[in-house]
C-alpha cells in the first residue's frame, strides 16, 4: 500500500513540474464539432466610391475598405477617435497634459517589462495545479478575483466622505 501512495505522489509531482506548463489561465476552446461563429467577421457593405482614383492600392494580405475594425468601432462608440489607433505609439497632442500630470512624480523607463514579468510570475504561481482537473475550466477570473475593483463599495466610500459621485447601475449581488 505505501508503494502505491509513493507512485501517486510521484505522478502528481511530475504533472506539476516543467517549464512548458500553460500559465495563461484561459481555456476558451470550443468542444463542439461545429464552426466557431465568433471567428467570422462579416465585411462592411459595398459602396461605389465618389472618386475611383482616390481608392488605395490593393495590397495582398492587407486591409481593404470593407474590413471591419471592431476595436476602432468600440473606441468611436465610447466617444474616442478610432483614427488615433493608427497614428502610431506616440501620445496624441490632446492627451499631453494628462500624461504630464500622471507622470509628474516620475515613471520607470522599464515599466512595461517589469509589469509583464510580475504578471507572468503571478500567473505561474496561480497555475500550479491547473493540470490536475477533471474538467478544464477558465480560471482567469478566479485567479484575478483579489485584483477586481468593487465599484459599488468604492462609490459608497466616496459618498460617505461627501464627494458627489455619478450614479451607477444597480448592484446585481
Protein backbone atom coordinates (compact mmCIF):
# COMPACT_ATOMS: atom_id res chain seq x y z
CA UNK A 1 0.00 0.00 0.00
CA UNK A 2 2.77 2.56 0.79
CA UNK A 3 4.30 1.93 -2.65
CA UNK A 4 1.02 2.91 -4.31
CA UNK A 5 0.99 6.21 -2.43
CA UNK A 6 4.59 6.88 -3.47
CA UNK A 7 3.67 6.20 -7.08
CA UNK A 8 0.65 8.54 -6.91
CA UNK A 9 2.73 11.27 -5.23
CA UNK A 10 5.40 10.91 -7.92
CA UNK A 11 2.81 11.24 -10.68
CA UNK A 12 1.27 14.33 -9.08
CA UNK A 13 4.67 16.00 -8.73
CA UNK A 14 5.58 15.11 -12.30
CA UNK A 15 2.33 16.68 -13.54
CA UNK A 16 3.13 19.92 -11.71
CA UNK A 17 6.67 20.28 -12.99
CA UNK A 18 8.06 21.59 -16.23
CA UNK A 19 8.52 24.95 -17.88
CA UNK A 20 6.11 24.10 -20.70
CA UNK A 21 3.17 24.45 -18.30
CA UNK A 22 0.35 26.64 -19.62
CA UNK A 23 0.24 29.75 -17.43
CA UNK A 24 -2.41 31.62 -19.40
CA UNK A 25 -5.24 30.53 -17.04
CA UNK A 26 -7.60 30.77 -20.01
CA UNK A 27 -9.38 27.84 -21.58
CA UNK A 28 -11.59 29.25 -24.30
CA UNK A 29 -11.55 26.28 -26.65
CA UNK A 30 -14.75 25.11 -28.25
CA UNK A 31 -15.54 21.48 -27.54
CA UNK A 32 -18.14 21.16 -30.30
CA UNK A 33 -17.65 19.92 -33.86
CA UNK A 34 -19.38 22.97 -35.37
CA UNK A 35 -17.80 26.17 -36.64
CA UNK A 36 -16.74 28.96 -34.31
CA UNK A 37 -19.29 31.66 -35.02
CA UNK A 38 -17.18 34.31 -33.29
CA UNK A 39 -14.25 33.87 -35.68
CA UNK A 40 -16.30 35.08 -38.63
CA UNK A 41 -16.48 38.85 -39.05
CA UNK A 42 -18.73 39.93 -41.90
CA UNK A 43 -17.43 42.67 -44.17
CA UNK A 44 -18.89 46.15 -44.38
CA UNK A 45 -21.46 46.94 -47.03
CA UNK A 46 -20.05 47.56 -50.52
CA UNK A 47 -20.41 51.12 -51.79
CA UNK A 48 -19.41 52.81 -55.02
CA UNK A 49 -16.69 55.40 -54.29
CA UNK A 50 -17.17 59.02 -55.29
CA UNK A 51 -13.79 59.05 -56.99
CA UNK A 52 -12.21 55.82 -58.28
CA UNK A 53 -8.77 57.42 -58.49
CA UNK A 54 -8.81 58.05 -54.71
CA UNK A 55 -9.03 54.32 -53.89
CA UNK A 56 -5.99 52.84 -52.10
CA UNK A 57 -3.69 50.49 -53.96
CA UNK A 58 -4.62 46.85 -53.25
CA UNK A 59 -2.09 45.04 -51.09
CA UNK A 60 -2.17 41.22 -50.88
CA UNK A 61 -2.89 40.22 -47.29
CA UNK A 62 -3.53 43.84 -46.31
CA UNK A 63 -6.73 45.52 -45.24
CA UNK A 64 -9.37 46.97 -47.51
CA UNK A 65 -12.23 49.44 -47.18
CA UNK A 66 -14.82 46.74 -46.40
CA UNK A 67 -12.89 45.22 -43.47
CA UNK A 68 -14.48 45.57 -40.07
CA UNK A 69 -12.50 47.24 -37.29
CA UNK A 70 -14.17 46.12 -34.05
CA UNK A 71 -11.64 47.82 -31.77
CA UNK A 72 -11.81 51.09 -33.69
CA UNK A 73 -15.61 50.91 -33.75
CA UNK A 74 -15.61 50.36 -29.99
CA UNK A 75 -13.33 53.35 -29.45
CA UNK A 76 -15.62 55.50 -31.57
CA UNK A 77 -18.73 54.23 -29.74
CA UNK A 78 -17.17 55.26 -26.40
CA UNK A 79 -16.50 58.78 -27.66
CA UNK A 80 -12.91 58.41 -28.83
CA UNK A 81 -11.28 58.78 -32.22
CA UNK A 82 -10.81 55.43 -33.92
CA UNK A 83 -8.17 57.01 -36.16
CA UNK A 84 -5.95 57.60 -33.11
CA UNK A 85 -5.13 53.88 -33.11
CA UNK A 86 -3.41 54.09 -36.47
CA UNK A 87 -1.23 57.10 -35.72
CA UNK A 88 1.47 55.03 -34.06
CA UNK A 89 2.58 54.67 -30.49
CA UNK A 90 3.12 58.35 -29.76
CA UNK A 91 0.99 60.36 -27.37
CA UNK A 92 -1.67 62.46 -29.10
CA UNK A 93 -1.30 66.21 -28.53
CA UNK A 94 -4.74 66.34 -26.89
CA UNK A 95 -3.53 63.94 -24.17
CA UNK A 96 -0.23 65.70 -23.45
CA UNK A 97 -1.44 67.50 -20.31
CA UNK A 98 -2.92 64.30 -18.90
CA UNK A 99 0.30 62.34 -19.46
CA UNK A 100 2.38 65.16 -17.95
CA UNK A 101 0.22 65.25 -14.83
CA UNK A 102 0.18 61.46 -14.45
CA UNK A 103 3.98 61.24 -14.74
CA UNK A 104 4.78 64.23 -12.50
CA UNK A 105 6.44 62.01 -9.86
CA UNK A 106 8.46 60.06 -12.39
CA UNK A 107 7.89 56.98 -14.49
CA UNK A 108 10.24 53.98 -14.58
CA UNK A 109 11.61 53.51 -18.06
CA UNK A 110 11.08 49.74 -17.94
CA UNK A 111 7.53 49.79 -16.52
CA UNK A 112 6.06 47.58 -19.25
CA UNK A 113 8.78 44.96 -18.94
CA UNK A 114 8.65 44.86 -15.13
CA UNK A 115 4.83 44.61 -15.10
CA UNK A 116 4.94 41.84 -17.70
CA UNK A 117 7.49 39.91 -15.61
CA UNK A 118 5.46 40.37 -12.41
CA UNK A 119 2.25 39.25 -14.15
CA UNK A 120 3.98 36.21 -15.64
CA UNK A 121 5.23 35.25 -12.17
CA UNK A 122 1.70 35.75 -10.76
CA UNK A 123 0.16 33.57 -13.48
CA UNK A 124 2.83 30.91 -12.96
CA UNK A 125 2.04 30.76 -9.22
CA UNK A 126 -1.73 30.68 -9.81
CA UNK A 127 -1.48 27.94 -12.45
CA UNK A 128 0.43 25.41 -10.34
CA UNK A 129 -2.36 22.88 -10.07
CA UNK A 130 -4.35 23.69 -13.20
CA UNK A 131 -3.45 20.42 -14.89
CA UNK A 132 -4.94 18.41 -12.05
CA UNK A 133 -8.55 18.99 -13.09
CA UNK A 134 -11.20 16.54 -14.22
CA UNK A 135 -12.86 19.23 -16.32
CA UNK A 136 -10.93 22.07 -17.94
CA UNK A 137 -12.18 25.44 -16.74
CA UNK A 138 -11.31 29.07 -17.37
CA UNK A 139 -9.51 30.10 -14.16
CA UNK A 140 -8.67 33.69 -15.17
CA UNK A 141 -11.48 35.35 -13.17
CA UNK A 142 -10.79 33.13 -10.18
CA UNK A 143 -7.07 33.97 -10.19
CA UNK A 144 -7.55 37.74 -10.51
CA UNK A 145 -10.51 37.94 -8.05
CA UNK A 146 -8.50 39.88 -5.43
CA UNK A 147 -7.44 42.42 -8.07
CA UNK A 148 -11.00 43.24 -9.13
CA UNK A 149 -12.45 46.60 -8.15
CA UNK A 150 -15.79 46.60 -6.34
CA UNK A 151 -17.26 49.71 -7.95
CA UNK A 152 -20.24 49.94 -5.62
CA UNK A 153 -18.10 49.75 -2.46
CA UNK A 154 -15.76 52.45 -3.77
CA UNK A 155 -18.71 54.63 -4.72
CA UNK A 156 -20.16 54.28 -1.22
CA UNK A 157 -16.73 55.05 0.31
CA UNK A 158 -16.58 58.34 -1.58
CA UNK A 159 -20.23 59.22 -0.86
CA UNK A 160 -19.71 58.74 2.90
CA UNK A 161 -16.95 61.33 2.65
CA UNK A 162 -19.29 63.83 1.00
CA UNK A 163 -17.91 63.64 -2.52
CA UNK A 164 -20.51 63.94 -5.26
CA UNK A 165 -20.37 60.78 -7.36
CA UNK A 166 -22.23 59.88 -10.54
CA UNK A 167 -24.94 57.29 -10.44
CA UNK A 168 -24.09 53.66 -11.05
CA UNK A 169 -26.04 50.70 -12.37
CA UNK A 170 -27.97 48.75 -9.74
CA UNK A 171 -25.94 46.32 -7.69
CA UNK A 172 -26.56 42.80 -9.04
CA UNK A 173 -25.37 40.90 -6.00
